[in-house]
Protein backbone atom coordinates (compact mmCIF):
# COMPACT_ATOMS: atom_id res chain seq x y z
CA UNK A 1 10.38 21.15 3.06
CA UNK A 2 9.86 17.45 2.47
CA UNK A 3 10.51 15.98 -0.94
CA UNK A 4 7.84 13.85 -2.60
CA UNK A 5 10.09 10.80 -2.40
CA UNK A 6 10.42 11.30 1.38
CA UNK A 7 6.66 11.54 1.81
CA UNK A 8 6.13 8.40 -0.23
CA UNK A 9 8.81 6.33 1.51
CA UNK A 10 8.11 7.51 5.07
CA UNK A 11 4.34 8.00 5.04
CA UNK A 12 2.56 6.35 2.15
CA UNK A 13 4.60 3.20 1.58
CA UNK A 14 4.22 1.85 5.13
CA UNK A 15 0.49 2.59 5.05
CA UNK A 16 0.19 0.96 1.61
CA UNK A 17 2.07 -2.12 2.76
CA UNK A 18 -0.22 -2.33 5.78
CA UNK A 19 -3.34 -2.07 3.62
CA UNK A 20 -1.99 -4.61 1.12
CA UNK A 21 -1.02 -7.07 3.88
CA UNK A 22 -4.51 -6.87 5.35
CA UNK A 23 -6.32 -7.15 2.02
CA UNK A 24 -4.14 -10.00 0.72
CA UNK A 25 -4.36 -11.92 4.00
CA UNK A 26 -8.13 -11.55 3.93
CA UNK A 27 -7.98 -12.84 0.35
CA UNK A 28 -6.36 -16.05 1.55
CA UNK A 29 -2.63 -15.41 1.11
CA UNK A 30 -0.30 -16.57 3.87
CA UNK A 31 1.87 -14.08 5.74
CA UNK A 32 4.95 -15.66 4.16
CA UNK A 33 3.52 -15.24 0.65
CA UNK A 34 2.61 -11.62 1.36
CA UNK A 35 6.11 -11.02 2.75
CA UNK A 36 7.78 -12.55 -0.31
CA UNK A 37 5.57 -10.51 -2.63
CA UNK A 38 6.25 -7.20 -0.87
CA UNK A 39 9.94 -7.92 -0.29
CA UNK A 40 9.64 -7.71 3.48
CA UNK A 41 9.90 -10.21 6.32
CA UNK A 42 7.03 -12.33 7.65
CA UNK A 43 7.35 -10.66 11.08
CA UNK A 44 6.89 -7.27 9.33
CA UNK A 45 3.68 -8.56 7.75
CA UNK A 46 2.51 -9.71 11.18
CA UNK A 47 3.19 -6.22 12.55
CA UNK A 48 1.25 -4.63 9.67
CA UNK A 49 -1.68 -6.94 10.35
CA UNK A 50 -1.67 -6.02 14.06
CA UNK A 51 -1.41 -2.26 13.30
CA UNK A 52 2.04 -2.02 14.86
CA UNK A 53 3.41 -0.63 11.58
CA UNK A 54 1.89 1.66 8.98
CA UNK A 55 -1.32 2.31 10.90
CA UNK A 56 -0.74 5.88 12.03
CA UNK A 57 -0.87 7.27 8.49
CA UNK A 58 -4.05 5.86 7.03
CA UNK A 59 -4.03 7.71 3.73
CA UNK A 60 -6.18 5.24 1.86
CA UNK A 61 -9.53 6.72 2.76
CA UNK A 62 -11.32 7.91 -0.34
CA UNK A 63 -13.32 5.63 -2.61
CA UNK A 64 -11.04 5.90 -5.65
CA UNK A 65 -7.96 4.89 -3.67
CA UNK A 66 -9.82 2.03 -1.97
CA UNK A 67 -11.11 0.83 -5.33
CA UNK A 68 -7.61 0.95 -6.84
CA UNK A 69 -6.21 -0.98 -3.89
CA UNK A 70 -8.88 -3.68 -4.10
CA UNK A 71 -8.39 -4.09 -7.88
CA UNK A 72 -4.64 -4.29 -7.33
CA UNK A 73 -5.08 -7.02 -4.71
CA UNK A 74 -7.43 -8.96 -6.97
CA UNK A 75 -4.78 -8.91 -9.72
CA UNK A 76 -2.13 -10.09 -7.25
CA UNK A 77 -4.26 -12.97 -5.98
CA UNK A 78 -5.10 -13.96 -9.58
CA UNK A 79 -1.35 -13.86 -10.39
CA UNK A 80 -1.94 -11.39 -13.22
CA UNK A 81 1.04 -9.14 -12.39
CA UNK A 82 4.76 -9.65 -12.79
CA UNK A 83 7.28 -7.80 -10.61
CA UNK A 84 7.24 -4.73 -12.87
CA UNK A 85 3.43 -4.66 -12.72
CA UNK A 86 3.51 -4.89 -8.94
CA UNK A 87 5.91 -1.97 -8.68
CA UNK A 88 3.98 0.09 -11.20
CA UNK A 89 0.69 -0.42 -9.36
CA UNK A 90 2.22 0.39 -5.97
CA UNK A 91 3.77 3.55 -7.37
CA UNK A 92 0.48 4.57 -9.00
CA UNK A 93 -1.42 4.25 -5.72
CA UNK A 94 1.27 6.22 -3.84
CA UNK A 95 1.25 8.90 -6.54
CA UNK A 96 -2.54 9.15 -6.39
CA UNK A 97 -2.38 9.59 -2.60
CA UNK A 98 0.41 12.15 -2.88
CA UNK A 99 -1.57 14.16 -5.43
CA UNK A 100 -4.59 14.14 -3.12
CA UNK A 101 -2.48 15.27 -0.18
CA UNK A 102 -1.05 18.16 -2.23
CA UNK A 103 -4.51 19.14 -3.44
CA UNK A 104 -5.90 19.10 0.10
CA UNK A 105 -3.00 21.27 1.28
CA UNK A 106 -3.59 23.82 -1.47
CA UNK A 107 -7.28 24.08 -0.53
CA UNK A 108 -6.43 24.98 3.08
């Protein structure tokens, strides 16, 4: 049995960081700025952008999750979120994905 916190940290968080790095870079942020924002190194951002990290678990596939991610990135680029807001939004997206994974499992 895997705990929810394990699933989030091992599966969803790397995929979320990858999606955020791509979206924010497309939005004009530098790799260094993305790294500072996410609390990771610039080389890690580069690996996310080249699908060397976080690509094998692409959980952000449905429209609601994609919409939430895009809105989150827009708020980041507009500098509308403080550190607590960043963490809260990242957790919300991970929680939404976790709930969908659990629901899909229960349907099978």
